[in-house]
Structure formats: structure tokens, C-alpha cells
């Protein structure tokens, strides 16, 4: 950043600032860890000299050191250059009717809580309400260190088993929803999109009514015809701002599509999109007849379903990262 040429290129400067912020955060956490270890050493000396009163503080500090070190170990597993980027997260309801749409909304809540726990900034840029309850789909913009690195492990079909609150006979139902993540595209990356390949539709923002509902056609839906990629945005009141944001999401989708081709993963992504139902799930959340979250890739099982649905996903993500590193 000391190069004068960087200050004449605003796009380059933004990227350098993002990199600096991420690296500064990592070095600051290493410094904090070193200071904590030094403090623990001092407390240990006092303990050895017979100062038993410092033992609770010593044990608490050891627990904090372990948690901080594990977090840094986890981030060391991120090896893809896209892992450090911000992300877009998409949730779509699948098989299961109203239960699936309710399940999609439960997943949206889970990921928003996960982002809050991790200190990520999450903004719902588009949400399509369900027919009776829940949502049909949602797109979330997520900003934070290694946001894509964390969320890429959530890509796939998620299955819910429970007593349906929408069944008057209180029968057990199974519902499915899919989750997809894409790294956000740096502004310095230029994606060549022919305007002739785009179909732009405007419509009135959907919602549950109330005094703040937008009564103008400000929501925007953009279709990239060659790839049949559809994105929409209704978060802003301005049609121009919604269009700009939708184009950013579209560029991210197209870049990820090309990246998927290069990594020979595109077919896997497309196959997952085609069937949001039986046999394709990566994780099951069972609320009845017992309570269990099971990741079918890593075989990890967690009995506290509510903790997971409240956004505590680190153990599940860590297991997937370790599995991929071994592969």
C-alpha cells in the first residue's frame, strides 16, 4: 500500500485494504494468544508457589487459550484462494410442501445466527415467502474473514424429520431444503456479460404486508439466458440499487460456475440442484422420534438439535474441513 501507484487505482486499493484487514486480524489474534500463554505461565508460577486462589482464573485462561488456538487451527485448513472471500448463501425449499418452506425459513434463521456468532455481517438481499408459511427461497450476502471457507461446507441438501405443525393429525413428516454458497466477486474482476444474454424483469416486492411494504415495482429479477441462471433482489427500495446488487450476485454465480468447471465440480453442483429430496442429503436433523443431527459425509452425530439450529455449526464445519483435507 506504500506504492503510490496503488492510490491511483481505487479498485486495487479496496482489495489491498480487504487483504490488510484480514491479515491484521490474524496477526492480532496470534498476538493475543501469545499474551494469554504468557499470562497463564505467570499464573502457573503463582500456583506452584502455593497461591491456590488463582486456580479458577488459571483454568479459565487455559480454556480460552484452547478455544483461540482451535479457531486458528481451523482457519489453517482453508487452502482455496476463494476461502477468504465474502460469500452469498442461497436457500431453496424442496420436497415436503409447506413443511419444506417452513424448514427453509428455519435454515435461514440458523445461518443468520451462525453469522452473528462468528461476527459476520449478514444481509438478506432477497426472500420469496412460502404459500402458507416459511419461505420458498432466500439469498443472503455474508461479509467476514473466511466467510466462504466456512459456508462452502454447508452446500447440499438438508433433511428435517419432525411432527408436522401443519398436520392436524400430528403425523411425522420429512422435508428437504438445499443450501448453496458462492464467493463474492472482487470489484477488480471483470466478468464479460453480453447485455443481449440478460432478461430483466421488475416486480413488486413480496412480503407479509404492513406499513413498510413497497408498493412500487422496485424488485428486480435477472436471468442469464445461456446458463439459465436466475437471481433476484428486493432488499432495497430503489430499483436501480436492486438491479446493481442483483448484477453483483449474478457475476458471483457465473464466476463460481466457471470455477466449478475448472475444478470439475460443476456436475456435482448441478446434480444436487436437480433433486432436493430423498437420497441426496448431506445432513439430517431429526426432532422425532428422537433428537439427533447427523452429517452423512463425516458421520458426526450431535444430540443437541436446538443448539445446532441456534447457529452452533462450528463442530460440523470443522469435521467437514478435516475430512476434505484428508482427501
Protein backbone atom coordinates (compact mmCIF):
# COMPACT_ATOMS: atom_id res chain seq x y z
CA UNK A 1 0.00 0.00 0.00
CA UNK A 2 3.05 2.28 0.20
CA UNK A 3 3.33 2.14 -3.59
CA UNK A 4 1.98 5.48 -4.93
CA UNK A 5 0.53 3.61 -7.91
CA UNK A 6 -1.90 1.75 -5.63
CA UNK A 7 -3.58 5.00 -4.60
CA UNK A 8 -4.41 5.88 -8.18
CA UNK A 9 -6.28 2.59 -8.66
CA UNK A 10 -9.34 2.61 -6.40
CA UNK A 11 -10.33 -0.99 -7.17
CA UNK A 12 -6.84 -2.23 -6.33
CA UNK A 13 -6.82 -0.11 -3.17
CA UNK A 14 -10.10 -1.65 -1.99
CA UNK A 15 -8.70 -5.15 -2.49
CA UNK A 16 -5.47 -4.26 -0.67
CA UNK A 17 -7.47 -2.82 2.22
CA UNK A 18 -9.53 -6.01 2.48
CA UNK A 19 -6.36 -8.14 2.49
CA UNK A 20 -4.72 -5.87 5.07
CA UNK A 21 -7.74 -6.04 7.35
CA UNK A 22 -7.85 -9.84 7.15
CA UNK A 23 -4.10 -10.23 7.79
CA UNK A 24 -4.15 -7.66 10.60
CA UNK A 25 -6.97 -9.60 12.26
CA UNK A 26 -4.97 -12.83 12.09
CA UNK A 27 -1.74 -11.30 13.47
CA UNK A 28 -3.70 -9.55 16.22
CA UNK A 29 -5.24 -12.86 17.30
CA UNK A 30 -1.81 -14.53 17.31
CA UNK A 31 -0.52 -11.69 19.48
CA UNK A 32 -3.47 -12.09 21.85
CA UNK A 33 -2.79 -15.83 22.06
CA UNK A 34 0.87 -15.25 22.86
CA UNK A 35 -0.02 -12.78 25.63
CA UNK A 36 -2.57 -15.22 27.06
CA UNK A 37 0.02 -18.01 27.15
CA UNK A 38 2.45 -15.67 28.90
CA UNK A 39 -0.22 -14.73 31.47
CA UNK A 40 -1.01 -18.42 32.02
CA UNK A 41 2.69 -19.05 32.68
CA UNK A 42 2.73 -16.34 35.32
CA UNK A 43 -0.38 -17.78 37.00
CA UNK A 44 1.17 -21.25 36.93
CA UNK A 45 4.21 -19.94 38.80
CA UNK A 46 1.92 -18.48 41.47
CA UNK A 47 0.10 -21.82 41.75
CA UNK A 48 3.40 -23.66 42.20
CA UNK A 49 4.25 -21.20 44.97
CA UNK A 50 1.05 -22.15 46.80
CA UNK A 51 -1.32 -19.33 45.68
CA UNK A 52 -4.41 -21.60 45.31
CA UNK A 53 -6.73 -18.59 44.90
CA UNK A 54 -5.55 -18.06 41.30
CA UNK A 55 -6.54 -21.58 40.18
CA UNK A 56 -10.04 -20.63 38.85
CA UNK A 57 -8.52 -17.79 36.79
CA UNK A 58 -5.77 -20.13 35.52
CA UNK A 59 -8.28 -22.80 34.43
CA UNK A 60 -10.48 -20.20 32.74
CA UNK A 61 -7.49 -18.79 30.86
CA UNK A 62 -6.46 -22.27 29.70
CA UNK A 63 -9.97 -22.85 28.34
CA UNK A 64 -9.83 -19.54 26.43
CA UNK A 65 -6.38 -20.36 25.03
CA UNK A 66 -7.62 -23.73 23.81
CA UNK A 67 -10.61 -22.13 22.06
CA UNK A 68 -8.48 -19.41 20.41
CA UNK A 69 -5.86 -21.92 19.25
CA UNK A 70 -8.54 -24.23 17.82
CA UNK A 71 -10.01 -21.33 15.86
CA UNK A 72 -6.63 -20.59 14.29
CA UNK A 73 -6.08 -24.28 13.56
CA UNK A 74 -9.45 -24.37 11.83
CA UNK A 75 -8.62 -21.41 9.58
CA UNK A 76 -5.32 -23.11 8.69
CA UNK A 77 -7.44 -25.74 6.90
CA UNK A 78 -8.64 -23.15 4.37
CA UNK A 79 -6.45 -23.73 1.32
CA UNK A 80 -8.54 -22.47 -1.60
CA UNK A 81 -7.87 -18.87 -2.66
CA UNK A 82 -11.62 -18.20 -2.58
CA UNK A 83 -11.96 -19.32 1.07
CA UNK A 84 -11.05 -15.90 2.48
CA UNK A 85 -13.71 -14.10 0.43
CA UNK A 86 -17.14 -12.87 1.42
CA UNK A 87 -20.00 -15.13 0.32
CA UNK A 88 -23.52 -15.34 -0.99
CA UNK A 89 -25.68 -18.03 0.59
CA UNK A 90 -28.81 -19.34 -1.14
CA UNK A 91 -31.53 -21.45 0.48
CA UNK A 92 -34.29 -23.15 -1.53
CA UNK A 93 -37.18 -25.25 -0.24
CA UNK A 94 -37.51 -28.70 -1.79
CA UNK A 95 -39.73 -31.74 -1.38
CA UNK A 96 -42.16 -31.52 1.50
CA UNK A 97 -44.67 -28.79 0.64
CA UNK A 98 -45.42 -26.32 3.42
CA UNK A 99 -43.11 -28.17 5.81
CA UNK A 100 -40.22 -27.70 3.35
CA UNK A 101 -40.90 -23.97 3.10
CA UNK A 102 -41.03 -23.71 6.89
CA UNK A 103 -37.77 -25.73 7.04
CA UNK A 104 -36.12 -23.30 4.60
CA UNK A 105 -37.00 -20.44 6.94
CA UNK A 106 -35.60 -22.40 9.91
CA UNK A 107 -32.33 -22.84 7.99
CA UNK A 108 -32.24 -19.13 7.17
CA UNK A 109 -32.57 -18.36 10.89
CA UNK A 110 -29.85 -20.92 11.70
CA UNK A 111 -27.35 -19.37 9.29
CA UNK A 112 -28.14 -15.81 10.38
CA UNK A 113 -27.44 -16.87 13.98
CA UNK A 114 -24.25 -18.62 12.89
CA UNK A 115 -23.10 -15.40 11.22
CA UNK A 116 -23.91 -13.44 14.37
CA UNK A 117 -21.83 -15.86 16.49
CA UNK A 118 -18.90 -15.62 14.06
CA UNK A 119 -19.08 -11.82 13.83
CA UNK A 120 -20.04 -11.89 10.14
CA UNK A 121 -22.25 -9.16 8.65
CA UNK A 122 -25.26 -10.87 7.06
CA UNK A 123 -27.88 -9.15 4.89
CA UNK A 124 -30.90 -10.87 3.35
CA UNK A 125 -30.94 -9.45 -0.18
CA UNK A 126 -33.90 -11.48 -1.43
CA UNK A 127 -36.59 -13.64 0.15
CA UNK A 128 -39.61 -15.26 -1.51
CA UNK A 129 -42.37 -16.07 1.02
CA UNK A 130 -43.96 -19.51 1.09
CA UNK A 131 -47.55 -20.21 0.08
CA UNK A 132 -48.81 -20.73 3.65
CA UNK A 133 -45.71 -20.42 5.87
CA UNK A 134 -41.95 -20.11 5.68
CA UNK A 135 -40.06 -19.16 2.52
CA UNK A 136 -39.59 -20.66 -0.91
CA UNK A 137 -36.08 -19.20 -1.25
CA UNK A 138 -33.68 -16.64 0.18
CA UNK A 139 -30.33 -15.10 -0.76
CA UNK A 140 -28.01 -13.74 1.93
CA UNK A 141 -24.91 -11.57 1.49
CA UNK A 142 -22.32 -12.51 4.13
CA UNK A 143 -19.19 -10.48 4.83
CA UNK A 144 -16.40 -11.58 7.15
CA UNK A 145 -13.00 -13.32 7.27
CA UNK A 146 -13.20 -16.74 5.56
CA UNK A 147 -16.98 -16.46 5.15
CA UNK A 148 -16.93 -18.60 2.00
CA UNK A 149 -14.45 -21.04 3.53
CA UNK A 150 -16.91 -21.79 6.32
CA UNK A 151 -20.12 -21.78 4.31
CA UNK A 152 -18.94 -23.87 1.35
CA UNK A 153 -19.05 -26.88 3.71
CA UNK A 154 -22.83 -26.33 4.06
CA UNK A 155 -23.55 -26.77 0.35
CA UNK A 156 -26.03 -29.58 -0.28
CA UNK A 157 -29.45 -30.86 0.73
CA UNK A 158 -30.56 -30.64 4.38
CA UNK A 159 -33.30 -33.00 5.66
CA UNK A 160 -35.71 -32.39 8.53
CA UNK A 161 -37.76 -35.10 10.30
CA UNK A 162 -40.40 -33.95 12.82
CA UNK A 163 -44.05 -33.98 13.82
CA UNK A 164 -45.51 -31.50 11.35
CA UNK A 165 -47.15 -28.44 12.94
CA UNK A 166 -49.22 -28.19 9.74
CA UNK A 167 -50.73 -31.69 10.02
CA UNK A 168 -53.96 -31.78 12.03
CA UNK A 169 -53.33 -35.48 12.70
CA UNK A 170 -49.89 -34.73 14.18
CA UNK A 171 -48.08 -37.16 11.88
CA UNK A 172 -44.34 -37.31 11.27
CA UNK A 173 -43.19 -35.55 8.10
CA UNK A 174 -39.89 -35.30 6.22
CA UNK A 175 -38.92 -32.05 4.49
CA UNK A 176 -35.94 -31.00 2.38
CA UNK A 177 -34.18 -27.74 1.55
CA UNK A 178 -30.99 -27.01 -0.37
CA UNK A 179 -28.13 -24.70 0.54
CA UNK A 180 -25.62 -23.22 -1.94
CA UNK A 181 -22.71 -20.85 -1.32
CA UNK A 182 -20.72 -18.70 -3.76
CA UNK A 183 -17.72 -16.45 -3.13
CA UNK A 184 -18.42 -12.79 -3.78
CA UNK A 185 -16.56 -11.40 -6.78
CA UNK A 186 -13.92 -8.73 -6.22
CA UNK A 187 -14.75 -5.49 -7.98
CA UNK A 188 -11.37 -5.72 -9.72
CA UNK A 189 -12.52 -8.89 -11.50
CA UNK A 190 -14.32 -8.10 -14.72
CA UNK A 191 -16.96 -10.57 -15.86
CA UNK A 192 -17.85 -10.26 -19.53
CA UNK A 193 -21.65 -10.42 -19.72
CA UNK A 194 -23.37 -9.60 -23.01
CA UNK A 195 -26.47 -7.48 -22.29
CA UNK A 196 -28.24 -9.44 -25.03
CA UNK A 197 -27.90 -12.55 -22.85
CA UNK A 198 -29.88 -10.95 -19.99
CA UNK A 199 -33.60 -10.79 -19.37
CA UNK A 200 -34.52 -8.24 -16.70
CA UNK A 201 -37.92 -8.33 -15.01
CA UNK A 202 -39.22 -5.92 -12.40
CA UNK A 203 -41.99 -6.69 -9.95
CA UNK A 204 -43.45 -5.56 -6.67
CA UNK A 205 -41.56 -6.65 -3.53
CA UNK A 206 -43.23 -9.56 -1.79
CA UNK A 207 -43.81 -9.74 1.93
CA UNK A 208 -46.40 -10.11 4.65
CA UNK A 209 -47.79 -6.59 4.33
CA UNK A 210 -47.70 -3.75 6.80
CA UNK A 211 -46.90 -0.09 6.53
CA UNK A 212 -43.38 -0.65 5.17
CA UNK A 213 -44.30 -2.83 2.19
CA UNK A 214 -43.03 -1.43 -1.09
CA UNK A 215 -45.91 -0.62 -3.46
CA UNK A 216 -43.69 0.15 -6.47
CA UNK A 217 -42.09 -2.27 -8.93
CA UNK A 218 -38.66 -1.95 -7.31
CA UNK A 219 -37.77 -5.66 -7.05
CA UNK A 220 -35.54 -6.94 -9.86
CA UNK A 221 -35.09 -10.42 -11.35
CA UNK A 222 -32.26 -11.04 -13.83
CA UNK A 223 -31.98 -14.18 -15.96
CA UNK A 224 -28.71 -15.08 -17.70
CA UNK A 225 -30.18 -16.94 -20.66
CA UNK A 226 -27.13 -19.03 -21.80
CA UNK A 227 -26.71 -20.64 -18.35
CA UNK A 228 -30.34 -20.27 -17.19
CA UNK A 229 -29.00 -18.59 -14.04
CA UNK A 230 -31.67 -16.55 -12.24
CA UNK A 231 -31.00 -14.03 -9.46
CA UNK A 232 -33.30 -11.53 -7.79
CA UNK A 233 -33.10 -8.73 -5.27
CA UNK A 234 -35.80 -6.84 -3.38
CA UNK A 235 -33.88 -5.66 -0.34
CA UNK A 236 -33.61 -2.02 -1.42
CA UNK A 237 -36.43 0.42 -2.13
CA UNK A 238 -34.67 1.68 -5.25
CA UNK A 239 -34.99 -0.36 -8.45
CA UNK A 240 -31.54 0.87 -9.55
CA UNK A 241 -29.88 -0.32 -6.33
CA UNK A 242 -31.68 -3.65 -6.51
CA UNK A 243 -30.50 -4.10 -10.10
CA UNK A 244 -26.89 -3.27 -9.16
CA UNK A 245 -26.95 -5.77 -6.29
CA UNK A 246 -28.61 -8.44 -8.45
CA UNK A 247 -25.85 -7.98 -11.06
CA UNK A 248 -23.20 -8.47 -8.36
CA UNK A 249 -24.89 -11.70 -7.27
CA UNK A 250 -25.14 -12.82 -10.92
CA UNK A 251 -21.45 -12.16 -11.52
CA UNK A 252 -20.57 -14.17 -8.42
CA UNK A 253 -22.76 -17.04 -9.62
CA UNK A 254 -21.19 -17.04 -13.09
CA UNK A 255 -17.64 -16.88 -11.72
CA UNK A 256 -18.40 -19.78 -9.37
CA UNK A 257 -19.92 -21.70 -12.28
CA UNK A 258 -16.70 -21.27 -14.26
CA UNK A 259 -14.64 -22.10 -11.20
CA UNK A 260 -16.69 -25.25 -10.78
CA UNK A 261 -15.84 -26.29 -14.32
CA UNK A 262 -12.15 -25.76 -13.74
CA UNK A 263 -12.28 -27.82 -10.53
CA UNK A 264 -14.50 -30.46 -12.17
CA UNK A 265 -17.20 -29.88 -9.58
CA UNK A 266 -19.85 -28.27 -11.72
CA UNK A 267 -21.67 -31.54 -12.39
CA UNK A 268 -21.85 -32.31 -8.67
CA UNK A 269 -23.40 -28.91 -8.00
CA UNK A 270 -25.90 -29.30 -10.83
CA UNK A 271 -26.86 -32.83 -9.70
CA UNK A 272 -27.53 -31.53 -6.19
CA UNK A 273 -29.73 -28.76 -7.57
CA UNK A 274 -31.85 -31.13 -9.65
CA UNK A 275 -33.11 -33.27 -6.79
CA UNK A 276 -33.75 -31.60 -3.45
CA UNK A 277 -35.16 -34.76 -1.93
CA UNK A 278 -34.56 -38.34 -0.84
CA UNK A 279 -31.09 -39.82 -1.12
CA UNK A 280 -29.25 -36.57 -1.82
CA UNK A 281 -28.99 -35.04 1.67
CA UNK A 282 -25.69 -34.16 3.32
CA UNK A 283 -27.21 -33.74 6.78
CA UNK A 284 -30.32 -34.85 8.66
CA UNK A 285 -31.97 -33.01 11.55
CA UNK A 286 -34.27 -35.39 13.45
CA UNK A 287 -36.69 -33.94 16.01
CA UNK A 288 -38.93 -37.02 16.29
CA UNK A 289 -38.98 -39.87 17.40
CA UNK A 290 -35.55 -38.96 18.85
CA UNK A 291 -33.33 -35.88 18.62
CA UNK A 292 -30.18 -36.02 16.54
CA UNK A 293 -28.25 -34.07 13.91
CA UNK A 294 -26.23 -36.40 11.67
CA UNK A 295 -23.81 -35.33 8.95
CA UNK A 296 -23.85 -38.09 6.34
CA UNK A 297 -20.43 -37.12 4.96
CA UNK A 298 -18.42 -37.15 8.17
CA UNK A 299 -20.76 -39.44 10.21
CA UNK A 300 -20.63 -36.87 13.03
CA UNK A 301 -23.72 -37.02 15.28
CA UNK A 302 -24.86 -34.30 17.72
CA UNK A 303 -27.70 -34.93 20.17
CA UNK A 304 -28.49 -31.28 20.95
CA UNK A 305 -30.50 -30.32 17.84
CA UNK A 306 -31.63 -26.98 19.26
CA UNK A 307 -28.02 -25.89 19.77
CA UNK A 308 -27.30 -26.55 16.10
CA UNK A 309 -30.48 -24.83 14.92
CA UNK A 310 -29.42 -21.83 17.03
CA UNK A 311 -26.35 -21.47 14.83
CA UNK A 312 -23.69 -23.56 16.59
CA UNK A 313 -22.25 -25.13 13.42
CA UNK A 314 -18.52 -24.95 14.12
CA UNK A 315 -18.16 -28.62 15.12
CA UNK A 316 -19.96 -29.78 11.96
CA UNK A 317 -17.97 -27.47 9.70
CA UNK A 318 -14.68 -28.40 11.35
CA UNK A 319 -15.33 -32.12 10.77
CA UNK A 320 -16.07 -31.48 7.09
CA UNK A 321 -12.92 -29.37 6.68
CA UNK A 322 -10.76 -32.09 8.27
CA UNK A 323 -12.36 -34.73 6.05
CA UNK A 324 -11.68 -32.72 2.91
CA UNK A 325 -8.08 -32.05 3.97
CA UNK A 326 -7.51 -35.80 4.42
CA UNK A 327 -8.96 -36.46 0.96
